[in-house]
């Protein structure tokens, strides 16, 4: 069994030379390093995405997403000798996990992160280099921040005459993935958190109360925050101004 595992691991390492590998800079300092890999006997690991809200500093939140064959019984990503991030299958073939870096942990971006998964008796392991943006920085240094962006902010019903008490108002935002998003309606609701149903797509709902002014929903705005940046977009302006109004935390 150990011999088979070593052979599989060695074969997986030979697949590290990417067929059209791409280092893609995502908004809000998220970095993606993707490989296309060959089919394994029991399952296939396609690519891995590593995001951070503050580089590799203690307290930074790392988010890992792996694309692989659906139905793995277990999966995790090793980010060094002491950090292993468990993954769960959020959608078929989409495995996600998160980890907050502790002060006692040291992650070396010049090393490799290894995805482990098991579909059958023989585990599958595949190693990836860290994205170049992580390799270039020293431990404790934050990566360069890209602009946080709202591409679309919609609300329905969008006719305020239909916003009777008890009506459920739905919000959807498309923008920077792995951020924090919330909606504010003047004198109605403040800090209505939206959930990220898929990368970069945030949704939420609000039930109109009797004391609410329906006209206030004309001024609904969304706030999207990642790291030290946030962007604000009005529900009526988001489609025309895809970037919204950007602000830096602590500089307002």
C-alpha atoms as a PDB file:
ATOM      1  CA  UNK A   1       0.000   0.000   0.000  1.00  0.00           C
ATOM      2  CA  UNK A   2       2.840   2.434   0.922  1.00  0.00           C
ATOM      3  CA  UNK A   3       4.557   1.597  -2.346  1.00  0.00           C
ATOM      4  CA  UNK A   4       1.380   2.393  -4.312  1.00  0.00           C
ATOM      5  CA  UNK A   5       0.970   5.667  -2.422  1.00  0.00           C
ATOM      6  CA  UNK A   6       4.566   6.674  -3.152  1.00  0.00           C
ATOM      7  CA  UNK A   7       4.079   5.857  -6.823  1.00  0.00           C
ATOM      8  CA  UNK A   8       0.869   7.905  -6.981  1.00  0.00           C
ATOM      9  CA  UNK A   9       2.503  10.832  -5.186  1.00  0.00           C
ATOM     10  CA  UNK A  10       5.508  10.700  -7.500  1.00  0.00           C
ATOM     11  CA  UNK A  11       3.238  10.630 -10.518  1.00  0.00           C
ATOM     12  CA  UNK A  12       1.308  13.567  -9.154  1.00  0.00           C
ATOM     13  CA  UNK A  13       4.510  15.578  -8.679  1.00  0.00           C
ATOM     14  CA  UNK A  14       5.386  15.013 -12.337  1.00  0.00           C
ATOM     15  CA  UNK A  15       2.129  16.731 -13.219  1.00  0.00           C
ATOM     16  CA  UNK A  16       3.242  20.008 -11.641  1.00  0.00           C
ATOM     17  CA  UNK A  17       4.441  21.350 -14.980  1.00  0.00           C
ATOM     18  CA  UNK A  18       1.272  23.228 -15.945  1.00  0.00           C
ATOM     19  CA  UNK A  19      -0.472  22.866 -19.239  1.00  0.00           C
ATOM     20  CA  UNK A  20      -1.394  26.495 -19.677  1.00  0.00           C
ATOM     21  CA  UNK A  21      -0.916  27.418 -15.987  1.00  0.00           C
ATOM     22  CA  UNK A  22      -2.167  30.865 -15.065  1.00  0.00           C
ATOM     23  CA  UNK A  23      -1.430  33.193 -12.162  1.00  0.00           C
ATOM     24  CA  UNK A  24      -4.580  35.314 -11.989  1.00  0.00           C
ATOM     25  CA  UNK A  25      -4.755  38.393  -9.775  1.00  0.00           C
ATOM     26  CA  UNK A  26      -8.226  38.612  -8.254  1.00  0.00           C
ATOM     27  CA  UNK A  27      -9.617  41.746  -6.571  1.00  0.00           C
ATOM     28  CA  UNK A  28      -8.870  42.393  -2.889  1.00  0.00           C
ATOM     29  CA  UNK A  29      -5.463  40.698  -2.931  1.00  0.00           C
ATOM     30  CA  UNK A  30      -6.912  37.302  -3.741  1.00  0.00           C
ATOM     31  CA  UNK A  31      -4.454  35.259  -5.774  1.00  0.00           C
ATOM     32  CA  UNK A  32      -5.293  32.205  -7.831  1.00  0.00           C
ATOM     33  CA  UNK A  33      -2.787  29.610  -9.059  1.00  0.00           C
ATOM     34  CA  UNK A  34      -4.394  27.030 -11.304  1.00  0.00           C
ATOM     35  CA  UNK A  35      -3.063  23.877 -12.933  1.00  0.00           C
ATOM     36  CA  UNK A  36      -4.699  21.474 -15.337  1.00  0.00           C
ATOM     37  CA  UNK A  37      -3.750  17.970 -14.284  1.00  0.00           C
ATOM     38  CA  UNK A  38      -4.211  14.500 -15.714  1.00  0.00           C
ATOM     39  CA  UNK A  39      -6.890  12.034 -14.636  1.00  0.00           C
ATOM     40  CA  UNK A  40      -6.090   9.910 -11.587  1.00  0.00           C
ATOM     41  CA  UNK A  41      -7.444   6.380 -11.069  1.00  0.00           C
ATOM     42  CA  UNK A  42     -10.088   7.216  -8.455  1.00  0.00           C
ATOM     43  CA  UNK A  43     -10.333  10.995  -8.541  1.00  0.00           C
ATOM     44  CA  UNK A  44      -8.824  14.087 -10.075  1.00  0.00           C
ATOM     45  CA  UNK A  45      -7.569  17.291  -8.454  1.00  0.00           C
ATOM     46  CA  UNK A  46      -7.958  20.103 -10.965  1.00  0.00           C
ATOM     47  CA  UNK A  47      -6.798  23.305  -9.284  1.00  0.00           C
ATOM     48  CA  UNK A  48      -6.494  25.166  -6.017  1.00  0.00           C
ATOM     49  CA  UNK A  49      -7.255  28.792  -5.149  1.00  0.00           C
ATOM     50  CA  UNK A  50      -5.721  30.543  -2.141  1.00  0.00           C
ATOM     51  CA  UNK A  51      -7.127  33.865  -0.902  1.00  0.00           C
ATOM     52  CA  UNK A  52      -6.039  36.021   2.023  1.00  0.00           C
ATOM     53  CA  UNK A  53      -7.390  39.220   3.523  1.00  0.00           C
ATOM     54  CA  UNK A  54      -4.003  40.199   4.993  1.00  0.00           C
ATOM     55  CA  UNK A  55      -1.210  38.187   3.428  1.00  0.00           C
ATOM     56  CA  UNK A  56       0.393  35.649   5.747  1.00  0.00           C
ATOM     57  CA  UNK A  57       0.337  37.732   8.908  1.00  0.00           C
ATOM     58  CA  UNK A  58      -0.958  36.289  12.193  1.00  0.00           C
ATOM     59  CA  UNK A  59      -4.694  36.855  12.326  1.00  0.00           C
ATOM     60  CA  UNK A  60      -5.121  36.800   8.545  1.00  0.00           C
ATOM     61  CA  UNK A  61      -7.946  34.659   7.202  1.00  0.00           C
ATOM     62  CA  UNK A  62      -6.944  32.221   4.471  1.00  0.00           C
ATOM     63  CA  UNK A  63      -9.659  30.788   2.244  1.00  0.00           C
ATOM     64  CA  UNK A  64      -8.956  27.722   0.148  1.00  0.00           C
ATOM     65  CA  UNK A  65     -11.019  26.419  -2.736  1.00  0.00           C
ATOM     66  CA  UNK A  66     -10.202  23.225  -4.606  1.00  0.00           C
ATOM     67  CA  UNK A  67     -11.789  21.951  -7.787  1.00  0.00           C
ATOM     68  CA  UNK A  68     -11.763  18.172  -7.973  1.00  0.00           C
ATOM     69  CA  UNK A  69     -13.813  15.093  -8.766  1.00  0.00           C
ATOM     70  CA  UNK A  70     -17.089  15.186  -6.783  1.00  0.00           C
ATOM     71  CA  UNK A  71     -17.809  12.805  -3.934  1.00  0.00           C
ATOM     72  CA  UNK A  72     -14.505  12.707  -2.065  1.00  0.00           C
ATOM     73  CA  UNK A  73     -14.901  11.082   1.343  1.00  0.00           C
ATOM     74  CA  UNK A  74     -12.414  13.579   2.782  1.00  0.00           C
ATOM     75  CA  UNK A  75     -10.112  16.359   1.588  1.00  0.00           C
ATOM     76  CA  UNK A  76      -7.667  18.856   3.055  1.00  0.00           C
ATOM     77  CA  UNK A  77      -4.863  21.205   2.100  1.00  0.00           C
ATOM     78  CA  UNK A  78      -1.501  21.225   3.847  1.00  0.00           C
ATOM     79  CA  UNK A  79       0.043  24.715   4.059  1.00  0.00           C
ATOM     80  CA  UNK A  80       3.305  23.654   5.648  1.00  0.00           C
ATOM     81  CA  UNK A  81       4.408  21.302   8.391  1.00  0.00           C
ATOM     82  CA  UNK A  82       1.848  22.401  10.989  1.00  0.00           C
ATOM     83  CA  UNK A  83      -1.093  23.932   9.111  1.00  0.00           C
ATOM     84  CA  UNK A  84      -3.667  21.645   7.541  1.00  0.00           C
ATOM     85  CA  UNK A  85      -7.011  23.072   6.385  1.00  0.00           C
ATOM     86  CA  UNK A  86      -9.954  20.616   6.297  1.00  0.00           C
ATOM     87  CA  UNK A  87     -12.213  20.996   3.271  1.00  0.00           C
ATOM     88  CA  UNK A  88     -15.899  20.301   2.784  1.00  0.00           C
ATOM     89  CA  UNK A  89     -17.749  19.885  -0.490  1.00  0.00           C
ATOM     90  CA  UNK A  90     -19.860  23.030  -0.817  1.00  0.00           C
ATOM     91  CA  UNK A  91     -21.096  22.060  -4.277  1.00  0.00           C
ATOM     92  CA  UNK A  92     -20.379  19.036  -6.490  1.00  0.00           C
ATOM     93  CA  UNK A  93     -16.634  19.096  -7.140  1.00  0.00           C
ATOM     94  CA  UNK A  94     -16.103  22.354  -5.194  1.00  0.00           C
ATOM     95  CA  UNK A  95     -14.255  21.886  -1.880  1.00  0.00           C
ATOM     96  CA  UNK A  96     -13.734  24.867   0.431  1.00  0.00           C
ATOM     97  CA  UNK A  97     -12.132  25.608   3.775  1.00  0.00           C
ATOM     98  CA  UNK A  98     -10.798  28.500   5.855  1.00  0.00           C
ATOM     99  CA  UNK A  99      -8.025  29.025   8.392  1.00  0.00           C
ATOM    100  CA  UNK A 100      -7.007  31.942  10.617  1.00  0.00           C
ATOM    101  CA  UNK A 101      -3.223  32.101  11.017  1.00  0.00           C
ATOM    102  CA  UNK A 102      -2.067  31.789  14.626  1.00  0.00           C
ATOM    103  CA  UNK A 103       0.959  33.572  16.067  1.00  0.00           C
ATOM    104  CA  UNK A 104       2.709  30.259  16.582  1.00  0.00           C
ATOM    105  CA  UNK A 105       2.296  29.229  12.941  1.00  0.00           C
ATOM    106  CA  UNK A 106       4.749  29.981  10.191  1.00  0.00           C
ATOM    107  CA  UNK A 107       3.783  29.441   6.571  1.00  0.00           C
ATOM    108  CA  UNK A 108       6.634  29.523   4.081  1.00  0.00           C
ATOM    109  CA  UNK A 109       5.342  30.716   0.677  1.00  0.00           C
ATOM    110  CA  UNK A 110       8.549  29.509  -0.980  1.00  0.00           C
ATOM    111  CA  UNK A 111       7.517  25.950  -0.155  1.00  0.00           C
ATOM    112  CA  UNK A 112       4.519  24.086  -1.506  1.00  0.00           C
ATOM    113  CA  UNK A 113       0.944  23.527  -0.494  1.00  0.00           C
ATOM    114  CA  UNK A 114      -0.386  20.008  -0.966  1.00  0.00           C
ATOM    115  CA  UNK A 115      -3.972  18.974  -1.648  1.00  0.00           C
ATOM    116  CA  UNK A 116      -4.951  15.583  -0.209  1.00  0.00           C
ATOM    117  CA  UNK A 117      -8.220  13.829  -1.027  1.00  0.00           C
ATOM    118  CA  UNK A 118      -9.682  10.370  -0.805  1.00  0.00           C
ATOM    119  CA  UNK A 119     -12.333   8.815  -3.025  1.00  0.00           C
ATOM    120  CA  UNK A 120     -11.439   5.180  -2.472  1.00  0.00           C
ATOM    121  CA  UNK A 121      -8.782   3.196  -0.651  1.00  0.00           C
ATOM    122  CA  UNK A 122      -5.809   5.039  -2.141  1.00  0.00           C
ATOM    123  CA  UNK A 123      -5.412   8.735  -1.224  1.00  0.00           C
ATOM    124  CA  UNK A 124      -4.580  11.221  -3.952  1.00  0.00           C
ATOM    125  CA  UNK A 125      -2.054  13.984  -3.246  1.00  0.00           C
ATOM    126  CA  UNK A 126      -0.929  16.824  -5.471  1.00  0.00           C
ATOM    127  CA  UNK A 127       1.493  19.652  -4.636  1.00  0.00           C
ATOM    128  CA  UNK A 128       1.197  23.236  -5.877  1.00  0.00           C
ATOM    129  CA  UNK A 129       3.495  26.222  -5.689  1.00  0.00           C
ATOM    130  CA  UNK A 130       2.185  29.224  -3.794  1.00  0.00           C
ATOM    131  CA  UNK A 131       1.084  32.121  -6.026  1.00  0.00           C
ATOM    132  CA  UNK A 132       3.924  34.435  -6.993  1.00  0.00           C
ATOM    133  CA  UNK A 133       2.407  37.287  -4.984  1.00  0.00           C
ATOM    134  CA  UNK A 134       2.757  35.213  -1.814  1.00  0.00           C
ATOM    135  CA  UNK A 135       6.233  34.022  -2.736  1.00  0.00           C
ATOM    136  CA  UNK A 136       7.429  37.592  -3.273  1.00  0.00           C
ATOM    137  CA  UNK A 137       6.448  38.801   0.171  1.00  0.00           C
ATOM    138  CA  UNK A 138       8.184  38.055   3.431  1.00  0.00           C
ATOM    139  CA  UNK A 139       6.254  36.692   6.369  1.00  0.00           C
ATOM    140  CA  UNK A 140       4.388  39.529   8.066  1.00  0.00           C
ATOM    141  CA  UNK A 141       4.106  41.683   4.951  1.00  0.00           C
ATOM    142  CA  UNK A 142       0.665  42.238   3.461  1.00  0.00           C
ATOM    143  CA  UNK A 143       0.192  41.777  -0.284  1.00  0.00           C
ATOM    144  CA  UNK A 144      -0.601  44.693  -2.497  1.00  0.00           C
ATOM    145  CA  UNK A 145      -4.290  45.458  -2.416  1.00  0.00           C
ATOM    146  CA  UNK A 146      -6.345  45.609  -5.568  1.00  0.00           C
ATOM    147  CA  UNK A 147      -9.550  47.584  -5.817  1.00  0.00           C
ATOM    148  CA  UNK A 148     -12.655  46.112  -4.272  1.00  0.00           C
ATOM    149  CA  UNK A 149     -15.446  46.284  -6.812  1.00  0.00           C
ATOM    150  CA  UNK A 150     -19.223  46.041  -7.082  1.00  0.00           C
ATOM    151  CA  UNK A 151     -20.253  45.025 -10.581  1.00  0.00           C
ATOM    152  CA  UNK A 152     -23.992  44.851 -10.024  1.00  0.00           C
ATOM    153  CA  UNK A 153     -26.416  45.598  -7.183  1.00  0.00           C
ATOM    154  CA  UNK A 154     -30.046  44.660  -7.742  1.00  0.00           C
ATOM    155  CA  UNK A 155     -33.193  44.601  -5.617  1.00  0.00           C
ATOM    156  CA  UNK A 156     -36.571  43.051  -6.303  1.00  0.00           C
ATOM    157  CA  UNK A 157     -39.326  43.993  -6.204  1.00  0.00           C
ATOM    158  CA  UNK A 158     -37.779  47.301  -7.256  1.00  0.00           C
ATOM    159  CA  UNK A 159     -41.141  49.082  -7.471  1.00  0.00           C
ATOM    160  CA  UNK A 160     -41.618  50.806  -4.109  1.00  0.00           C
ATOM    161  CA  UNK A 161     -45.411  50.761  -4.603  1.00  0.00           C
ATOM    162  CA  UNK A 162     -45.254  46.980  -4.170  1.00  0.00           C
ATOM    163  CA  UNK A 163     -43.353  47.077  -0.873  1.00  0.00           C
ATOM    164  CA  UNK A 164     -46.331  46.377   1.381  1.00  0.00           C
ATOM    165  CA  UNK A 165     -45.853  45.178   4.976  1.00  0.00           C
ATOM    166  CA  UNK A 166     -44.890  41.526   4.959  1.00  0.00           C
ATOM    167  CA  UNK A 167     -43.355  41.688   1.472  1.00  0.00           C
ATOM    168  CA  UNK A 168     -39.927  40.030   1.204  1.00  0.00           C
ATOM    169  CA  UNK A 169     -37.349  42.210  -0.554  1.00  0.00           C
ATOM    170  CA  UNK A 170     -34.460  40.312  -2.182  1.00  0.00           C
ATOM    171  CA  UNK A 171     -30.978  41.749  -2.720  1.00  0.00           C
ATOM    172  CA  UNK A 172     -28.225  40.448  -4.981  1.00  0.00           C
ATOM    173  CA  UNK A 173     -24.705  41.787  -5.394  1.00  0.00           C
ATOM    174  CA  UNK A 174     -22.039  40.723  -7.889  1.00  0.00           C
ATOM    175  CA  UNK A 175     -18.490  41.809  -7.135  1.00  0.00           C
ATOM    176  CA  UNK A 176     -15.207  40.936  -5.456  1.00  0.00           C
ATOM    177  CA  UNK A 177     -15.231  37.373  -4.075  1.00  0.00           C
ATOM    178  CA  UNK A 178     -14.489  36.374  -0.478  1.00  0.00           C
ATOM    179  CA  UNK A 179     -15.493  39.766   0.931  1.00  0.00           C
ATOM    180  CA  UNK A 180     -17.986  40.937   3.546  1.00  0.00           C
ATOM    181  CA  UNK A 181     -21.184  42.448   2.138  1.00  0.00           C
ATOM    182  CA  UNK A 182     -24.118  44.169   3.774  1.00  0.00           C
ATOM    183  CA  UNK A 183     -27.049  46.345   2.741  1.00  0.00           C
ATOM    184  CA  UNK A 184     -28.196  49.597   4.324  1.00  0.00           C
ATOM    185  CA  UNK A 185     -31.595  51.246   3.799  1.00  0.00           C
ATOM    186  CA  UNK A 186     -31.887  54.749   5.358  1.00  0.00           C
ATOM    187  CA  UNK A 187     -34.078  54.737   8.490  1.00  0.00           C
ATOM    188  CA  UNK A 188     -35.106  51.116   7.796  1.00  0.00           C
ATOM    189  CA  UNK A 189     -32.230  48.671   8.215  1.00  0.00           C
ATOM    190  CA  UNK A 190     -28.516  49.009   8.872  1.00  0.00           C
ATOM    191  CA  UNK A 191     -25.972  46.262   8.405  1.00  0.00           C
ATOM    192  CA  UNK A 192     -28.145  43.591   6.748  1.00  0.00           C
ATOM    193  CA  UNK A 193     -25.523  40.926   6.124  1.00  0.00           C
ATOM    194  CA  UNK A 194     -25.499  39.169   2.752  1.00  0.00           C
ATOM    195  CA  UNK A 195     -24.298  35.604   2.287  1.00  0.00           C
ATOM    196  CA  UNK A 196     -21.941  34.536  -0.490  1.00  0.00           C
ATOM    197  CA  UNK A 197     -23.798  31.770  -2.312  1.00  0.00           C
ATOM    198  CA  UNK A 198     -20.945  31.375  -4.802  1.00  0.00           C
ATOM    199  CA  UNK A 199     -17.646  33.266  -5.290  1.00  0.00           C
ATOM    200  CA  UNK A 200     -18.435  36.943  -5.862  1.00  0.00           C
ATOM    201  CA  UNK A 201     -22.235  36.557  -5.669  1.00  0.00           C
ATOM    202  CA  UNK A 202     -23.944  37.743  -2.486  1.00  0.00           C
ATOM    203  CA  UNK A 203     -27.640  37.441  -1.638  1.00  0.00           C
ATOM    204  CA  UNK A 204     -29.961  38.415   1.190  1.00  0.00           C
ATOM    205  CA  UNK A 205     -33.542  39.328   1.977  1.00  0.00           C
ATOM    206  CA  UNK A 206     -35.528  41.644   4.218  1.00  0.00           C
ATOM    207  CA  UNK A 207     -39.192  41.501   5.256  1.00  0.00           C
ATOM    208  CA  UNK A 208     -40.934  44.873   5.145  1.00  0.00           C
ATOM    209  CA  UNK A 209     -42.434  45.964   8.459  1.00  0.00           C
ATOM    210  CA  UNK A 210     -45.459  48.171   9.024  1.00  0.00           C
ATOM    211  CA  UNK A 211     -43.361  51.057  10.299  1.00  0.00           C
ATOM    212  CA  UNK A 212     -41.020  51.030   7.265  1.00  0.00           C
ATOM    213  CA  UNK A 213     -41.161  53.779   4.657  1.00  0.00           C
ATOM    214  CA  UNK A 214     -41.248  52.068   1.228  1.00  0.00           C
ATOM    215  CA  UNK A 215     -39.708  55.127  -0.439  1.00  0.00           C
ATOM    216  CA  UNK A 216     -36.582  54.664   1.676  1.00  0.00           C
ATOM    217  CA  UNK A 217     -35.665  51.624  -0.410  1.00  0.00           C
ATOM    218  CA  UNK A 218     -34.887  53.968  -3.311  1.00  0.00           C
ATOM    219  CA  UNK A 219     -31.748  54.888  -1.369  1.00  0.00           C
ATOM    220  CA  UNK A 220     -30.651  51.328  -0.599  1.00  0.00           C
ATOM    221  CA  UNK A 221     -26.909  50.852  -0.827  1.00  0.00           C
ATOM    222  CA  UNK A 222     -24.518  47.948  -0.520  1.00  0.00           C
ATOM    223  CA  UNK A 223     -21.158  47.989   1.243  1.00  0.00           C
ATOM    224  CA  UNK A 224     -18.540  45.461   0.137  1.00  0.00           C
ATOM    225  CA  UNK A 225     -15.470  45.195   2.333  1.00  0.00           C
ATOM    226  CA  UNK A 226     -12.235  43.244   1.999  1.00  0.00           C
ATOM    227  CA  UNK A 227      -9.211  43.918   4.177  1.00  0.00           C
ATOM    228  CA  UNK A 228      -8.699  47.669   4.537  1.00  0.00           C
ATOM    229  CA  UNK A 229     -10.813  48.579   1.531  1.00  0.00           C
ATOM    230  CA  UNK A 230     -14.503  48.921   1.021  1.00  0.00           C
ATOM    231  CA  UNK A 231     -16.720  50.037  -1.825  1.00  0.00           C
ATOM    232  CA  UNK A 232     -20.200  51.549  -1.587  1.00  0.00           C
ATOM    233  CA  UNK A 233     -22.787  51.341  -4.399  1.00  0.00           C
ATOM    234  CA  UNK A 234     -26.344  52.611  -4.624  1.00  0.00           C
ATOM    235  CA  UNK A 235     -29.015  50.271  -5.900  1.00  0.00           C
ATOM    236  CA  UNK A 236     -29.850  52.684  -8.756  1.00  0.00           C
ATOM    237  CA  UNK A 237     -26.258  53.473  -9.677  1.00  0.00           C
ATOM    238  CA  UNK A 238     -24.445  50.153  -9.512  1.00  0.00           C
ATOM    239  CA  UNK A 239     -25.106  49.201 -13.131  1.00  0.00           C
ATOM    240  CA  UNK A 240     -23.980  52.590 -14.415  1.00  0.00           C
ATOM    241  CA  UNK A 241     -20.903  52.868 -12.170  1.00  0.00           C
ATOM    242  CA  UNK A 242     -19.533  49.379 -11.901  1.00  0.00           C
ATOM    243  CA  UNK A 243     -16.863  50.378  -9.425  1.00  0.00           C
ATOM    244  CA  UNK A 244     -19.028  52.224  -6.939  1.00  0.00           C
ATOM    245  CA  UNK A 245     -17.448  54.637  -4.476  1.00  0.00           C
ATOM    246  CA  UNK A 246     -14.259  53.260  -2.943  1.00  0.00           C
ATOM    247  CA  UNK A 247     -13.091  54.026   0.552  1.00  0.00           C
ATOM    248  CA  UNK A 248     -10.086  53.006   2.610  1.00  0.00           C
ATOM    249  CA  UNK A 249     -10.743  51.948   6.185  1.00  0.00           C
ATOM    250  CA  UNK A 250      -9.168  54.432   8.563  1.00  0.00           C
ATOM    251  CA  UNK A 251      -8.868  57.129   5.852  1.00  0.00           C
ATOM    252  CA  UNK A 252     -12.456  58.289   5.649  1.00  0.00           C
END
